[in-house]
Amino acid sequence: MSTPPGDKRHELERRLTVGYHLPSLAFITVVAGAISAAAFIVWPLTSATRRSALAAEPVSNHHRMIANACERCHDTLFTGASDSRCLSCHTVGSHARAFTSKKVQAVDRCASCHKEHHGQRSLVPADSPLCTKCHSQIAKVLPETRQPSVNDFAHHPEFALPPDTGLLKFSHAEHLGNLQKEGAAPETLTCGTCHVRAADGKSFTPIAFARNCQRCHRLQADPRIKGTPIPHGNVEHAIEVIRAALAEFYLNAPEGGHDSAAKLRERVASETRDIIDGVFTEQDGCKRCHEVTVTGTPGSPDVKQYNVEPPLLRTHWLSAALFDHGVHRQTACEQCHTRARGSTTASDLLIPGIAVCRDCHADPGTPDKLESPCVECHVYHSKE
């Protein structure tokens, strides 16, 4: 028979039970929660080396130097990095500003593309859909653009190349192969004879007369001043050198000493004009490679003025893309530049079309091809 609840015996039995002296379940829950918070949140925050315990994964190598300085990127605990924090160290180009100003979905925050705390994965995204999400409908995103829509590399439009307006007369066909200059040994010229890789390994040093042309094409004006090379690139300087060399020739010549100073000056001036006219107008002179215009001087029609159009030698043809010749160094030049050996004029554009690139490159996932996402050639934060 059970003891009535109000009975003293019942109260004594209740007090003698183990549960009577233990705290309530609610109290235990509150205390356990406080201990857990201290153990997993407060305690790690007291040490920079323990803060990494709160991160989903280690930071990327790009941010390794500030891995324990959470406050460098995060305004408050457990919030993503704000753009202002990113821009305190990094800069963006006009491309990024154009898209973010339009509030394009998926690119309205730096962290939309650059995802941190994913281990050693690069912060630079290589996923083409990040690009094609906008560029496949570029006219809707930026109505003022003239760029065509691009869905993938397989349907990428042909390269847009500027016309060659360099005004240089040059034939690759004449220069590639076995050549022999008078008084010199035969020489085989290849692409690499003139196109020398730059220090960065990616591009080539600009073509220059002194470096690439002069050893074969020495500028000589007249047998009497054969030992005097004509300077290249400055019309006025060239004329002065010719005049000075001719005057020196006559001063040192046996017959020169019999002329008066006035007659000698007149003779030098007259013959200088003839030599200069030949240098600038004959086909083995400046006109061999350059466009030359000759005009008379007002009031002195016998004194001519010469204008040699300077060539514009481009070093970068793909204005919206980057190309690294260094990673293609195992490929023969003419495997891509197939028309070089038959080109007879500098206006021939020898840049290969996109079909040549597709022989080796393709969209990610294409079998037996080099995976080539958009960022293989294009840079989002382009330098201005």
Protein backbone atom coordinates (compact mmCIF):
# COMPACT_ATOMS: atom_id res chain seq x y z
CA MET A 1 0.00 0.00 0.00
CA SER A 2 1.52 3.31 -1.08
CA THR A 3 2.23 6.09 1.35
CA PRO A 4 -0.08 9.11 1.02
CA PRO A 5 1.72 12.16 -0.56
CA GLY A 6 1.24 14.33 2.48
CA ASP A 7 2.61 11.76 4.86
CA LYS A 8 5.91 12.50 6.61
CA ARG A 9 7.14 9.12 5.67
CA HIS A 10 6.54 9.87 2.02
CA GLU A 11 8.48 13.14 2.27
CA LEU A 12 11.37 11.31 3.89
CA GLU A 13 11.39 8.71 1.12
CA ARG A 14 11.40 11.47 -1.54
CA ARG A 15 14.35 13.19 0.02
CA LEU A 16 16.28 9.94 0.19
CA THR A 17 16.02 9.41 -3.62
CA VAL A 18 19.06 10.33 -5.86
CA GLY A 19 17.07 12.58 -8.19
CA TYR A 20 15.99 14.87 -5.37
CA HIS A 21 19.51 16.28 -4.99
CA LEU A 22 20.24 16.73 -8.72
CA PRO A 23 19.56 20.02 -10.61
CA SER A 24 16.64 20.24 -12.95
CA LEU A 25 16.90 19.30 -16.63
CA ALA A 26 16.38 22.92 -17.67
CA PHE A 27 19.23 24.07 -15.47
CA ILE A 28 21.51 21.36 -16.83
CA THR A 29 20.67 22.43 -20.41
CA VAL A 30 21.50 26.10 -19.72
CA VAL A 31 24.81 25.27 -18.04
CA ALA A 32 25.80 22.84 -20.80
CA GLY A 33 25.05 25.44 -23.44
CA ALA A 34 27.18 28.04 -21.66
CA ILE A 35 30.09 25.62 -21.37
CA SER A 36 29.82 24.67 -25.03
CA ALA A 37 29.78 28.32 -26.11
CA ALA A 38 32.85 29.02 -24.03
CA ALA A 39 34.64 25.96 -25.36
CA PHE A 40 33.83 26.35 -29.03
CA ILE A 41 33.47 30.11 -29.51
CA VAL A 42 34.93 32.27 -26.76
CA TRP A 43 38.02 30.20 -26.05
CA PRO A 44 39.12 29.93 -29.73
CA LEU A 45 38.76 33.70 -30.12
CA THR A 46 41.25 34.33 -27.30
CA SER A 47 44.15 33.13 -29.45
CA ALA A 48 45.04 33.85 -33.07
CA THR A 49 46.33 30.32 -33.53
CA ARG A 50 43.02 28.90 -32.26
CA ARG A 51 40.81 31.10 -34.48
CA SER A 52 41.42 28.83 -37.44
CA ALA A 53 39.38 26.18 -35.59
CA LEU A 54 36.28 28.25 -36.46
CA ALA A 55 37.02 28.28 -40.19
CA ALA A 56 35.28 25.80 -42.45
CA GLU A 57 38.62 25.09 -44.17
CA PRO A 58 42.05 26.75 -44.18
CA VAL A 59 42.41 29.96 -46.17
CA SER A 60 43.89 29.86 -49.64
CA ASN A 61 47.54 30.46 -50.26
CA HIS A 62 46.71 33.99 -51.48
CA HIS A 63 45.68 35.00 -47.94
CA ARG A 64 48.01 32.79 -45.95
CA MET A 65 49.86 35.78 -44.47
CA ILE A 66 46.63 36.99 -42.77
CA ALA A 67 45.16 33.58 -41.96
CA ASN A 68 44.89 34.37 -38.23
CA ALA A 69 43.76 37.98 -38.63
CA CYS A 70 40.04 37.38 -39.17
CA GLU A 71 39.26 41.05 -38.64
CA ARG A 72 41.20 41.96 -41.81
CA CYS A 73 38.33 40.56 -43.91
CA HIS A 74 35.34 40.17 -41.61
CA ASP A 75 33.51 43.12 -40.07
CA THR A 76 31.75 40.94 -37.48
CA LEU A 77 31.78 37.32 -36.45
CA PHE A 78 30.21 34.76 -38.75
CA THR A 79 29.60 37.22 -41.61
CA GLY A 80 31.08 37.14 -45.08
CA ALA A 81 33.81 39.49 -46.23
CA SER A 82 32.45 42.82 -47.43
CA ASP A 83 33.56 44.41 -50.71
CA SER A 84 35.02 47.35 -48.81
CA ARG A 85 37.37 44.98 -47.01
CA CYS A 86 38.45 43.43 -50.31
CA LEU A 87 38.98 46.80 -51.96
CA SER A 88 41.15 48.00 -49.09
CA CYS A 89 43.87 45.78 -50.56
CA HIS A 90 42.76 44.95 -54.10
CA THR A 91 41.77 47.05 -57.11
CA VAL A 92 39.31 46.29 -59.90
CA GLY A 93 39.29 47.37 -63.53
CA SER A 94 36.64 48.97 -65.70
CA HIS A 95 35.30 45.56 -66.71
CA ALA A 96 34.39 44.72 -63.13
CA ARG A 97 32.99 48.17 -62.45
CA ALA A 98 30.78 47.99 -65.54
CA PHE A 99 29.18 44.76 -64.43
CA THR A 100 28.82 45.57 -60.76
CA SER A 101 27.26 48.94 -61.59
CA LYS A 102 24.50 47.03 -63.40
CA LYS A 103 23.92 44.84 -60.33
CA VAL A 104 24.30 41.74 -62.45
CA GLN A 105 23.24 38.67 -60.54
CA ALA A 106 26.14 36.53 -59.29
CA VAL A 107 28.72 39.28 -59.64
CA ASP A 108 27.37 41.90 -57.25
CA ARG A 109 29.91 40.96 -54.57
CA CYS A 110 33.58 40.09 -54.74
CA ALA A 111 32.87 36.90 -52.81
CA SER A 112 30.35 35.84 -55.46
CA CYS A 113 33.29 34.71 -57.56
CA HIS A 114 36.24 34.67 -55.16
CA LYS A 115 35.34 32.11 -52.50
CA GLU A 116 37.62 31.87 -49.50
CA HIS A 117 37.95 29.08 -46.91
CA HIS A 118 37.85 26.34 -49.50
CA GLY A 119 41.31 25.03 -48.73
CA GLN A 120 44.02 25.38 -51.32
CA ARG A 121 41.64 25.90 -54.23
CA SER A 122 42.64 29.04 -56.07
CA LEU A 123 40.75 32.21 -55.32
CA VAL A 124 40.78 32.92 -59.05
CA PRO A 125 37.70 31.17 -60.46
CA ALA A 126 38.25 29.09 -63.57
CA ASP A 127 34.64 28.12 -64.16
CA SER A 128 33.44 29.36 -67.55
CA PRO A 129 29.77 29.60 -66.47
CA LEU A 130 30.77 32.50 -64.23
CA CYS A 131 31.61 34.36 -67.45
CA THR A 132 29.03 32.98 -69.83
CA LYS A 133 26.19 33.68 -67.40
CA CYS A 134 26.50 37.28 -68.57
CA HIS A 135 28.28 36.93 -71.90
CA SER A 136 25.78 34.47 -73.33
CA GLN A 137 23.21 37.30 -73.08
CA ILE A 138 25.55 40.26 -73.12
CA ALA A 139 23.13 42.49 -75.03
CA LYS A 140 20.63 42.22 -72.18
CA VAL A 141 23.22 42.83 -69.48
CA LEU A 142 24.93 45.75 -71.24
CA PRO A 143 22.69 47.02 -74.03
CA GLU A 144 25.30 49.54 -75.13
CA THR A 145 27.94 46.89 -75.84
CA ARG A 146 29.08 45.89 -79.30
CA GLN A 147 30.45 42.55 -78.13
CA PRO A 148 28.82 39.40 -79.56
CA SER A 149 27.26 36.80 -77.29
CA VAL A 150 29.49 33.88 -76.34
CA ASN A 151 28.21 30.61 -74.90
CA ASP A 152 31.39 28.53 -74.92
CA PHE A 153 34.71 28.10 -76.69
CA ALA A 154 33.20 25.81 -79.32
CA HIS A 155 30.97 28.70 -80.47
CA HIS A 156 33.38 31.54 -79.77
CA PRO A 157 33.38 34.10 -82.60
CA GLU A 158 36.41 34.62 -84.81
CA PHE A 159 39.14 36.82 -83.39
CA ALA A 160 38.60 40.53 -84.06
CA LEU A 161 41.96 41.75 -85.37
CA PRO A 162 42.76 45.38 -86.15
CA PRO A 163 43.99 46.17 -89.67
CA ASP A 164 47.72 46.44 -90.18
CA THR A 165 48.39 50.13 -90.74
CA GLY A 166 52.10 49.88 -90.01
CA LEU A 167 53.15 51.46 -93.35
CA LEU A 168 56.15 49.12 -93.51
CA LYS A 169 57.18 47.34 -96.71
CA PHE A 170 58.29 43.88 -95.72
CA SER A 171 58.16 40.40 -97.24
CA HIS A 172 58.40 37.34 -95.02
CA ALA A 173 58.79 35.25 -98.18
CA GLU A 174 62.04 37.06 -99.08
CA HIS A 175 63.51 36.72 -95.61
CA LEU A 176 62.66 33.14 -94.64
CA GLY A 177 65.18 30.65 -96.01
CA ASN A 178 68.77 30.70 -97.22
CA LEU A 179 70.14 34.18 -97.89
CA GLN A 180 73.57 35.47 -98.80
CA LYS A 181 74.71 39.05 -98.64
CA GLU A 182 77.62 40.24 -100.76
CA GLY A 183 80.86 39.49 -98.96
CA ALA A 184 79.16 37.41 -96.28
CA ALA A 185 78.65 33.70 -95.69
CA PRO A 186 75.25 32.14 -96.50
CA GLU A 187 72.76 32.31 -93.66
CA THR A 188 69.47 30.58 -93.03
CA LEU A 189 66.91 32.92 -91.54
CA THR A 190 64.12 31.49 -89.41
CA CYS A 191 61.28 33.07 -87.43
CA GLY A 192 63.51 33.13 -84.36
CA THR A 193 66.20 35.13 -86.14
CA CYS A 194 64.14 38.29 -85.78
CA HIS A 195 61.41 37.32 -83.33
CA VAL A 196 63.35 36.99 -80.08
CA ARG A 197 61.57 36.00 -76.89
CA ALA A 198 61.36 38.75 -74.28
CA ALA A 199 62.57 38.41 -70.71
CA ASP A 200 59.09 37.46 -69.47
CA GLY A 201 59.15 34.40 -71.72
CA LYS A 202 55.60 35.13 -72.90
CA SER A 203 56.05 37.80 -75.56
CA PHE A 204 58.71 38.98 -78.00
CA THR A 205 61.03 41.95 -78.01
CA PRO A 206 59.79 44.68 -80.39
CA ILE A 207 61.37 44.68 -83.84
CA ALA A 208 63.97 47.43 -84.13
CA PHE A 209 66.21 48.40 -87.04
CA ALA A 210 69.43 48.43 -85.03
CA ARG A 211 68.74 45.05 -83.45
CA ASN A 212 67.08 43.14 -86.28
CA CYS A 213 67.82 44.79 -89.64
CA GLN A 214 71.07 46.73 -89.59
CA ARG A 215 73.51 43.84 -89.80
CA CYS A 216 72.14 42.96 -93.23
CA HIS A 217 70.78 46.32 -94.35
CA ARG A 218 73.47 48.86 -93.58
CA LEU A 219 72.51 52.37 -94.68
CA GLN A 220 75.17 53.71 -97.05
CA ALA A 221 74.84 56.94 -98.99
CA ASP A 222 77.78 57.37 -101.38
CA PRO A 223 81.10 55.61 -102.09
CA ARG A 224 82.97 58.76 -101.00
CA ILE A 225 81.55 58.43 -97.48
CA LYS A 226 81.32 54.65 -97.44
CA GLY A 227 82.70 54.38 -93.92
CA THR A 228 79.97 56.60 -92.51
CA PRO A 229 76.76 54.73 -91.64
CA ILE A 230 73.61 56.80 -92.07
CA PRO A 231 71.65 57.01 -88.81
CA HIS A 232 68.20 55.48 -88.91
CA GLY A 233 64.98 57.02 -87.61
CA ASN A 234 65.79 60.74 -87.75
CA VAL A 235 65.67 62.59 -91.09
CA GLU A 236 67.37 65.77 -89.86
CA HIS A 237 70.16 63.85 -88.17
CA ALA A 238 70.76 61.76 -91.29
CA ILE A 239 71.09 64.88 -93.44
CA GLU A 240 73.56 66.47 -91.04
CA VAL A 241 75.71 63.30 -90.93
CA ILE A 242 75.83 63.15 -94.74
CA ARG A 243 76.76 66.84 -95.01
CA ALA A 244 79.49 66.56 -92.38
CA ALA A 245 80.96 63.36 -93.87
CA LEU A 246 81.05 64.86 -97.36
CA ALA A 247 82.70 68.05 -96.11
CA GLU A 248 85.34 65.98 -94.31
CA PHE A 249 85.97 63.99 -97.50
CA TYR A 250 86.68 67.10 -99.56
CA LEU A 251 88.79 68.72 -96.86
CA ASN A 252 91.02 65.64 -96.81
CA ALA A 253 91.01 65.03 -100.58
CA PRO A 254 94.06 66.29 -102.53
CA GLU A 255 91.96 68.43 -104.86
CA GLY A 256 89.91 69.87 -102.01
CA GLY A 257 92.71 72.09 -100.79
CA HIS A 258 92.67 74.15 -103.98
CA ASP A 259 89.09 75.33 -103.50
CA SER A 260 88.18 78.44 -101.60
CA ALA A 261 86.04 78.07 -98.50
CA ALA A 262 83.04 79.56 -100.30
CA LYS A 263 83.45 77.24 -103.29
CA LEU A 264 83.92 74.25 -101.03
CA ARG A 265 80.74 75.06 -99.08
CA GLU A 266 78.80 75.42 -102.33
CA ARG A 267 80.17 72.14 -103.66
CA VAL A 268 79.35 70.28 -100.46
CA ALA A 269 75.85 71.76 -100.32
CA SER A 270 75.09 70.83 -103.93
CA GLU A 271 76.39 67.28 -103.71
CA THR A 272 74.77 66.76 -100.32
CA ARG A 273 71.40 67.55 -101.87
CA ASP A 274 72.02 64.99 -104.63
CA ILE A 275 73.09 62.28 -102.16
CA ILE A 276 70.20 62.98 -99.83
CA ASP A 277 67.73 62.87 -102.71
CA GLY A 278 69.05 59.45 -103.67
CA VAL A 279 68.94 58.15 -100.10
CA PHE A 280 65.32 59.12 -99.62
CA THR A 281 63.87 58.47 -103.08
CA GLU A 282 65.72 55.54 -104.69
CA GLN A 283 64.39 52.04 -104.20
CA ASP A 284 67.52 50.82 -102.42
CA GLY A 285 67.25 53.65 -99.90
CA CYS A 286 64.51 54.56 -97.44
CA LYS A 287 61.77 53.74 -99.96
CA ARG A 288 62.78 50.09 -99.86
CA CYS A 289 60.96 49.72 -96.54
CA HIS A 290 59.16 53.01 -95.87
CA GLU A 291 56.62 55.38 -97.37
CA VAL A 292 58.50 58.59 -98.24
CA THR A 293 57.01 61.89 -99.31
CA VAL A 294 59.13 64.69 -100.80
CA THR A 295 58.05 68.32 -100.90
CA GLY A 296 59.75 71.57 -101.91
CA THR A 297 60.58 74.30 -99.45
CA PRO A 298 58.50 77.49 -99.95
CA GLY A 299 60.75 80.16 -101.48
CA SER A 300 63.51 77.61 -102.24
CA PRO A 301 62.04 74.92 -104.51
CA ASP A 302 65.47 73.31 -105.02
CA VAL A 303 65.67 72.60 -101.26
CA LYS A 304 63.50 69.59 -100.56
CA GLN A 305 61.90 68.31 -97.42
CA TYR A 306 61.58 64.59 -96.76
CA ASN A 307 59.07 62.84 -94.58
CA VAL A 308 59.53 59.17 -93.76
CA GLU A 309 56.38 57.60 -92.33
CA PRO A 310 57.35 55.78 -89.13
CA PRO A 311 56.05 52.21 -88.99
CA LEU A 312 53.58 51.17 -86.32
CA LEU A 313 54.78 47.74 -85.26
CA ARG A 314 52.21 46.15 -83.00
CA THR A 315 53.35 43.92 -80.18
CA HIS A 316 49.83 42.90 -79.11
CA TRP A 317 47.15 41.98 -81.63
CA LEU A 318 44.46 40.38 -79.48
CA SER A 319 43.31 43.43 -77.56
CA ALA A 320 40.75 41.57 -75.44
CA ALA A 321 42.83 38.51 -74.67
CA LEU A 322 46.20 37.33 -73.42
CA PHE A 323 48.47 34.91 -75.25
CA ASP A 324 51.53 33.23 -73.83
CA HIS A 325 54.07 32.17 -76.44
CA GLY A 326 56.16 30.63 -73.68
CA VAL A 327 53.78 27.73 -73.03
CA HIS A 328 53.67 27.10 -76.79
CA ARG A 329 57.45 27.01 -77.22
CA GLN A 330 57.43 23.31 -78.14
CA THR A 331 55.19 24.10 -81.11
CA ALA A 332 56.88 25.15 -84.36
CA CYS A 333 56.03 28.72 -85.35
CA GLU A 334 54.69 27.73 -88.76
CA GLN A 335 52.37 25.14 -87.27
CA CYS A 336 50.17 28.08 -86.23
CA HIS A 337 51.43 30.87 -88.49
CA THR A 338 50.89 28.83 -91.61
CA ARG A 339 50.95 31.69 -94.14
CA ALA A 340 54.21 33.33 -93.05
CA ARG A 341 56.48 31.71 -95.64
CA GLY A 342 54.28 32.85 -98.52
CA SER A 343 53.57 36.37 -97.27
CA THR A 344 54.96 39.11 -99.51
CA THR A 345 53.56 42.21 -97.81
CA ALA A 346 53.50 43.46 -94.23
CA SER A 347 49.76 44.08 -94.47
CA ASP A 348 49.16 40.31 -94.47
CA LEU A 349 47.73 39.44 -91.05
CA LEU A 350 49.57 36.31 -90.02
CA ILE A 351 47.80 35.87 -86.69
CA PRO A 352 46.16 32.42 -86.76
CA GLY A 353 42.39 32.20 -86.57
CA ILE A 354 40.46 30.50 -83.80
CA ALA A 355 40.22 27.28 -85.84
CA VAL A 356 43.95 26.77 -85.31
CA CYS A 357 43.48 27.11 -81.56
CA ARG A 358 40.67 24.55 -81.61
CA ASP A 359 43.07 21.94 -82.98
CA CYS A 360 44.38 21.61 -79.42
CA HIS A 361 42.04 23.56 -77.13
CA ALA A 362 38.42 22.97 -76.21
CA ASP A 363 35.86 23.51 -73.49
CA PRO A 364 36.42 21.66 -70.19
CA GLY A 365 35.26 18.07 -70.43
CA THR A 366 36.07 17.64 -74.13
CA PRO A 367 38.05 14.39 -74.56
CA ASP A 368 41.58 14.49 -76.04
CA LYS A 369 41.78 18.28 -75.86
CA LEU A 370 43.42 20.80 -73.55
CA GLU A 371 40.75 22.14 -71.21
CA SER A 372 40.52 25.86 -71.91
CA PRO A 373 38.02 27.83 -69.81
CA CYS A 374 37.46 31.53 -70.46
CA VAL A 375 40.16 32.64 -68.01
CA GLU A 376 42.75 30.75 -70.03
CA CYS A 377 42.86 33.77 -72.37
CA HIS A 378 40.69 36.47 -70.79
CA VAL A 379 41.21 38.48 -67.62
CA TYR A 380 38.18 39.84 -65.78
CA HIS A 381 40.05 42.46 -63.77
CA SER A 382 41.98 43.72 -66.77
CA LYS A 383 44.62 46.37 -66.21
CA GLU A 384 43.82 49.78 -67.61
